Every structure is written in C-alpha cells, then in structure tokens.
Amino acid sequence: MVELTERNAALAAIGLCLFATAITFMNLSSLGGIFGVILIIIGVLGMAATYVLFTMGYAVMPFMTSTLGVSDLLGNGYKIPPSQDVVIRNVGGIYHATMYMSARFYEAATSEVEEEMTVAYMDLWERALAGIKFPFKFCLISFPEDIAKYRENLETQRYAATIKLGKEREKPNPDALTIDKWEREIARLNAMLARLTAGEKPMGAVMYVATTGIGVNEAAAIAAAQRQVGEIRSTVANALNLDIKVVKGEDLKRCFTWEFYIPPDRAEFVSSL
C-alpha cells in the first residue's frame, strides 16, 4: 500500500503534469482544440500542485487527509488519524494518544548573555518540571554542522543585517528600536563567528517534546493529550523561554520514527529534516 505523504503526492502531481504535457506536444495536431486545451490545463495544474506540495506540504497534507478522512496505519497498532497531529494506539481496550511538539530556544545576543542564561536555565528547568504533574519527554538530537556552510550562512546573515541597519540609519527619522534590534543581531552573529575562529565546532540540534494521554476511546485520549500539551506550553515554554509548537503531517511521522531509529550518518539525518 502506498502512503499518502508529501513526497508521494508531489511525485503523483509531477507524473500527471509530465503525462499531460507529453501527450499534448506529441499529438497536438490530432487531439482537437478542446481536448488539447484540457490537457494543457491539466499540465499547468499539475505544475502548480507540485510547487504547493513542495513548499507548503506541511500544511496542505493535513488539510487533505482531514478532508478525505484518511488515516495512516503505521504498524504494530499505531495509526495517525486524519487530523495528522497525533499518534494513536489501542492497548488492551485503553487508547493512548501521543502528541509531539517542536521546541526552540530563543538565541542570546552575545556569548556572555548565553553563559548567564545557561546557569539560569538549570534552576528554571527544575522549577518548570515541578509544575508538571504527568510524564513527558524532552528529546534533543545533536549533529555536527558543516563548518564551511555554517560560516557562510552566518556571514550572509551578518551582511544582510548590516545592510538593513545602514538603511534604517539613513532614514530622516530612524527608529531607535529597529536600530537596536539590528545592532544586537550583528553582535550575536559576530560572537558566533568569533567562536568559530577560536576553533569551536558548531553543532546543530533538533529538539522536540512528546506527551501521551489515555482514554476509553480515541476522542477521550486525544482530549487528554491536548490538555497536557496546553499545560506544557503554558508552563515549560514560559519558564524556559521556549518556542513550542505542535507538529503535524510529515514532521509528526519524523518524530515518531526517531523514537525507534535515528539515522547514523549526518548527511542522512540532515536530508530527512
């Protein structure tokens, strides 16, 4: 059985586009006016669908599965309902609903601030955990960055920030808050480049949070998981200055896969993101 994924849907759209285009240009003279126009329209729609799926598949696929009522069966009793935001499993008549959230720390402006925040996080972490009355999992997957690409990306960001800062300063009435924003951004990027120059190797990280709710049926389990997600977002996110968002679609499947398997090679892991 073929899975309804962003990749498969995009490939299907590409195939439809190529098929319609090939027939149109090979037999345009013998197809007739109306039929030829229809095939051209199909080809154009196929190209549009391919672009949308590749750029916004994370939003389109959950909408499609929800509209069509399609559930993904993952094996061993696990399934993803049409909403594409939870993994459900029936264990002995009790339903377990697991939801995943992405977690991102807000970056510090300078290395000195970052060191101070590291110490503060240790205390805040204990306080945040004390406020949660149910188990949840905080996962951190780290991997080495490509130093050349990482440096190039930082230098590009610094150049863009410098241009924006210069344009703001040249205005007749520059905004002090905007100037401060770009000055802090440039200082942050300079600090990161200085650490690279000092020999520090950059590490990438992917963070996500998982929690499971239980219930006598799917709806009850999902409702329990959603309540827990809301509590985590209001307690842990605020205490630790985290940006926490519920993941859906392919991102949800990716987090579920990481529960059992993490690609051993950096290139394979990065390509899966």
Protein backbone atom coordinates (compact mmCIF):
# COMPACT_ATOMS: atom_id res chain seq x y z
CA MET A 1 0.00 0.00 0.00
CA VAL A 2 1.35 3.44 -0.96
CA GLU A 3 1.49 6.03 1.83
CA LEU A 4 -0.18 9.40 1.36
CA THR A 5 2.87 11.56 2.03
CA GLU A 6 4.03 14.94 0.77
CA ARG A 7 6.68 13.25 -1.37
CA ASN A 8 4.28 10.73 -2.95
CA ALA A 9 1.64 13.36 -3.59
CA ALA A 10 4.23 15.63 -5.22
CA LEU A 11 5.51 12.76 -7.37
CA ALA A 12 1.95 11.98 -8.45
CA ALA A 13 1.45 15.63 -9.44
CA ILE A 14 4.73 15.60 -11.38
CA GLY A 15 3.69 12.42 -13.19
CA LEU A 16 0.31 13.90 -14.10
CA CYS A 17 1.99 17.07 -15.35
CA LEU A 18 4.54 15.20 -17.47
CA PHE A 19 1.92 12.84 -18.89
CA ALA A 20 -0.39 15.65 -19.96
CA THR A 21 2.46 17.73 -21.35
CA ALA A 22 3.97 14.82 -23.32
CA ILE A 23 0.67 13.87 -24.93
CA THR A 24 -0.11 17.49 -25.73
CA PHE A 25 3.14 18.21 -27.57
CA MET A 26 3.36 14.79 -29.27
CA ASN A 27 -0.15 14.78 -30.67
CA LEU A 28 -1.29 18.38 -30.54
CA SER A 29 -2.36 18.42 -34.17
CA SER A 30 -4.57 15.34 -33.85
CA LEU A 31 -6.09 15.94 -30.43
CA GLY A 32 -8.58 18.58 -31.40
CA GLY A 33 -8.93 22.05 -29.93
CA ILE A 34 -10.90 21.37 -26.74
CA PHE A 35 -9.08 18.16 -25.75
CA GLY A 36 -5.69 19.79 -26.31
CA VAL A 37 -6.66 22.77 -24.14
CA ILE A 38 -7.85 20.40 -21.38
CA LEU A 39 -4.51 18.58 -21.35
CA ILE A 40 -2.63 21.88 -21.21
CA ILE A 41 -4.77 22.94 -18.25
CA ILE A 42 -4.05 19.59 -16.53
CA GLY A 43 -0.33 20.11 -17.08
CA VAL A 44 -0.44 23.64 -15.63
CA LEU A 45 -2.47 22.46 -12.61
CA GLY A 46 0.00 19.61 -12.10
CA MET A 47 2.91 22.06 -12.01
CA ALA A 48 1.03 24.30 -9.57
CA ALA A 49 0.18 21.33 -7.34
CA THR A 50 3.82 20.22 -7.36
CA TYR A 51 5.02 23.67 -6.29
CA VAL A 52 2.44 23.92 -3.49
CA LEU A 53 3.22 20.43 -2.17
CA PHE A 54 6.97 21.03 -2.11
CA THR A 55 6.71 24.47 -0.48
CA MET A 56 3.64 24.09 1.77
CA GLY A 57 3.19 20.34 2.09
CA TYR A 58 3.32 20.58 5.89
CA ALA A 59 0.02 22.49 5.80
CA VAL A 60 -1.58 21.00 2.67
CA MET A 61 -1.27 17.32 3.59
CA PRO A 62 -3.07 17.57 6.98
CA PHE A 63 -5.85 19.50 5.22
CA MET A 64 -6.14 16.85 2.51
CA THR A 65 -6.17 13.90 4.91
CA SER A 66 -8.67 15.65 7.19
CA THR A 67 -10.95 16.48 4.26
CA LEU A 68 -10.74 12.98 2.78
CA GLY A 69 -10.88 11.22 6.17
CA VAL A 70 -7.63 9.33 5.51
CA SER A 71 -5.80 7.64 8.40
CA ASP A 72 -2.20 6.41 8.23
CA LEU A 73 -1.56 2.90 9.59
CA LEU A 74 1.99 2.72 10.95
CA GLY A 75 2.03 -0.94 12.02
CA ASN A 76 2.06 -2.57 15.48
CA GLY A 77 -1.30 -0.99 16.23
CA TYR A 78 -0.17 2.62 15.71
CA LYS A 79 -2.12 4.96 13.47
CA ILE A 80 -2.34 8.64 12.62
CA PRO A 81 -5.91 9.98 12.29
CA PRO A 82 -6.97 12.41 9.53
CA SER A 83 -6.03 15.42 11.70
CA GLN A 84 -2.35 14.38 11.29
CA ASP A 85 -1.37 15.76 14.70
CA VAL A 86 -1.42 12.71 16.99
CA VAL A 87 -0.36 9.05 17.05
CA ILE A 88 -2.95 6.66 18.49
CA ARG A 89 -2.66 3.10 19.75
CA ASN A 90 -5.18 0.80 21.41
CA VAL A 91 -3.58 -1.19 24.24
CA GLY A 92 -5.94 -3.64 25.93
CA GLY A 93 -9.00 -1.50 25.29
CA ILE A 94 -7.29 1.70 26.54
CA TYR A 95 -6.42 4.27 23.90
CA HIS A 96 -3.07 6.06 24.01
CA ALA A 97 -2.70 9.35 22.11
CA THR A 98 0.81 10.77 21.72
CA MET A 99 1.40 14.31 20.54
CA TYR A 100 4.73 15.83 19.54
CA MET A 101 5.87 19.43 19.77
CA SER A 102 8.89 21.17 18.30
CA ALA A 103 10.98 23.12 20.81
CA ARG A 104 13.30 26.02 20.00
CA PHE A 105 15.35 28.10 22.40
CA TYR A 106 15.48 31.82 21.72
CA GLU A 107 19.11 32.65 20.95
CA ALA A 108 21.09 35.01 23.15
CA ALA A 109 22.54 38.20 21.71
CA THR A 110 26.09 37.58 22.95
CA SER A 111 28.16 34.74 24.33
CA GLU A 112 28.28 36.44 27.76
CA VAL A 113 24.49 36.53 27.94
CA GLU A 114 24.39 32.94 26.73
CA GLU A 115 26.64 31.82 29.62
CA GLU A 116 24.44 33.62 32.13
CA MET A 117 21.32 32.04 30.64
CA THR A 118 22.88 28.57 30.85
CA VAL A 119 23.24 28.92 34.61
CA ALA A 120 19.73 30.33 34.97
CA TYR A 121 18.23 27.54 32.86
CA MET A 122 19.39 24.91 35.34
CA ASP A 123 17.28 26.48 38.08
CA LEU A 124 14.35 27.28 35.81
CA TRP A 125 14.34 23.72 34.44
CA GLU A 126 13.81 22.24 37.91
CA ARG A 127 11.02 24.71 38.65
CA ALA A 128 9.30 24.00 35.34
CA LEU A 129 9.44 20.24 35.88
CA ALA A 130 7.99 20.63 39.36
CA GLY A 131 4.93 22.29 37.84
CA ILE A 132 4.10 19.36 35.53
CA LYS A 133 2.05 16.58 37.15
CA PHE A 134 2.35 13.99 34.37
CA PRO A 135 5.26 12.34 32.48
CA PHE A 136 6.51 13.94 29.30
CA LYS A 137 9.65 13.50 27.22
CA PHE A 138 12.07 16.23 26.15
CA CYS A 139 14.32 14.97 23.34
CA LEU A 140 17.48 16.59 21.98
CA ILE A 141 19.18 15.20 18.86
CA SER A 142 22.53 16.81 18.08
CA PHE A 143 24.67 16.53 14.95
CA PRO A 144 27.86 18.20 13.64
CA GLU A 145 27.33 21.11 11.26
CA ASP A 146 29.24 21.59 8.01
CA ILE A 147 31.67 24.28 9.15
CA ALA A 148 32.14 25.91 5.72
CA LYS A 149 28.40 26.18 5.05
CA TYR A 150 27.73 27.25 8.64
CA ARG A 151 30.27 30.09 8.40
CA GLU A 152 28.96 31.16 5.00
CA ASN A 153 25.41 31.26 6.37
CA LEU A 154 26.48 33.40 9.34
CA GLU A 155 28.39 35.81 7.12
CA THR A 156 25.40 36.10 4.78
CA GLN A 157 23.10 36.85 7.72
CA ARG A 158 25.55 39.44 9.08
CA TYR A 159 25.80 41.14 5.69
CA ALA A 160 22.01 41.29 5.38
CA ALA A 161 21.68 42.67 8.92
CA THR A 162 24.37 45.29 8.24
CA ILE A 163 22.54 46.45 5.10
CA LYS A 164 19.24 46.74 6.99
CA LEU A 165 20.94 48.63 9.83
CA GLY A 166 22.52 51.05 7.35
CA LYS A 167 19.20 51.68 5.60
CA GLU A 168 17.47 52.38 8.90
CA ARG A 169 20.16 54.83 9.99
CA GLU A 170 19.89 56.71 6.66
CA LYS A 171 16.19 57.42 7.20
CA PRO A 172 15.22 61.01 8.15
CA ASN A 173 13.59 59.70 11.33
CA PRO A 174 15.26 56.39 12.21
CA ASP A 175 13.53 54.09 14.66
CA ALA A 176 15.70 53.57 17.74
CA LEU A 177 14.13 50.18 18.47
CA THR A 178 14.82 48.93 14.95
CA ILE A 179 18.42 50.15 15.11
CA ASP A 180 18.88 48.41 18.48
CA LYS A 181 17.38 45.20 17.06
CA TRP A 182 19.82 45.03 14.14
CA GLU A 183 22.79 46.07 16.31
CA ARG A 184 22.03 43.19 18.68
CA GLU A 185 21.64 40.81 15.74
CA ILE A 186 25.02 41.85 14.31
CA ALA A 187 26.62 41.47 17.76
CA ARG A 188 25.17 37.97 18.08
CA LEU A 189 26.46 36.94 14.65
CA ASN A 190 29.90 38.46 15.35
CA ALA A 191 30.09 36.47 18.60
CA MET A 192 29.23 33.25 16.78
CA LEU A 193 31.85 33.92 14.08
CA ALA A 194 34.43 34.69 16.75
CA ARG A 195 33.75 31.34 18.38
CA LEU A 196 34.30 29.63 15.02
CA THR A 197 37.59 31.47 14.59
CA ALA A 198 38.66 30.32 18.06
CA GLY A 199 38.25 26.72 16.90
CA GLU A 200 34.84 25.87 18.36
CA LYS A 201 32.98 23.35 16.21
CA PRO A 202 29.31 24.19 15.56
CA MET A 203 26.68 21.63 16.49
CA GLY A 204 23.16 21.50 15.11
CA ALA A 205 20.28 20.39 17.29
CA VAL A 206 16.72 19.24 16.84
CA MET A 207 14.50 19.39 19.92
CA TYR A 208 11.04 18.01 20.41
CA VAL A 209 8.69 17.23 23.27
CA ALA A 210 6.32 14.25 23.50
CA THR A 211 3.41 13.56 25.82
CA THR A 212 0.80 10.79 25.90
CA GLY A 213 -2.81 10.99 27.04
CA ILE A 214 -5.05 7.99 27.70
CA GLY A 215 -8.80 7.44 27.47
CA VAL A 216 -11.53 4.86 26.98
CA ASN A 217 -11.86 5.92 23.33
CA GLU A 218 -9.89 7.87 20.75
CA ALA A 219 -11.65 11.17 21.42
CA ALA A 220 -11.01 10.97 25.17
CA ALA A 221 -7.35 10.08 24.68
CA ILE A 222 -6.82 12.92 22.18
CA ALA A 223 -8.55 15.38 24.51
CA ALA A 224 -6.28 14.29 27.37
CA ALA A 225 -3.17 14.70 25.19
CA GLN A 226 -4.31 18.14 24.06
CA ARG A 227 -4.81 19.25 27.69
CA GLN A 228 -1.30 18.08 28.52
CA VAL A 229 0.13 19.89 25.51
CA GLY A 230 -1.57 23.08 26.66
CA GLU A 231 -0.10 22.70 30.15
CA ILE A 232 3.39 22.05 28.79
CA ARG A 233 3.22 25.07 26.52
CA SER A 234 1.97 27.37 29.29
CA THR A 235 4.36 26.10 31.99
CA VAL A 236 7.59 24.87 30.42
CA ALA A 237 7.61 27.27 27.45
CA ASN A 238 7.18 30.35 29.64
CA ALA A 239 9.64 29.24 32.31
CA LEU A 240 12.41 28.30 29.87
CA ASN A 241 11.69 30.91 27.18
CA LEU A 242 10.96 28.19 24.62
CA ASP A 243 9.03 28.42 21.38
CA ILE A 244 6.87 25.26 21.42
CA LYS A 245 4.58 24.30 18.55
CA VAL A 246 2.57 21.14 17.85
CA VAL A 247 3.96 19.28 14.83
CA LYS A 248 1.75 17.76 12.14
CA GLY A 249 1.95 15.68 8.99
CA GLU A 250 5.43 14.63 7.88
CA ASP A 251 7.03 16.29 10.91
CA LEU A 252 4.85 14.15 13.18
CA LYS A 253 5.88 10.98 11.35
CA ARG A 254 9.52 12.04 11.56
CA CYS A 255 9.34 12.46 15.35
CA PHE A 256 7.59 9.09 15.66
CA THR A 257 10.32 7.43 13.58
CA TRP A 258 13.03 8.99 15.77
CA GLU A 259 11.52 7.15 18.74
CA PHE A 260 12.82 3.91 17.19
CA TYR A 261 15.57 4.92 14.76
CA ILE A 262 17.96 7.84 14.30
CA PRO A 263 19.97 7.95 11.04
CA PRO A 264 23.60 7.09 11.90
CA ASP A 265 25.04 9.34 9.19
CA ARG A 266 24.96 13.16 9.37
CA ALA A 267 24.06 13.59 5.70
CA GLU A 268 21.19 11.11 6.00
CA PHE A 269 19.87 12.82 9.13
CA VAL A 270 20.08 16.34 7.67
CA SER A 271 18.40 15.23 4.42
CA SER A 272 15.47 13.86 6.45
CA LEU A 273 14.78 17.23 8.09
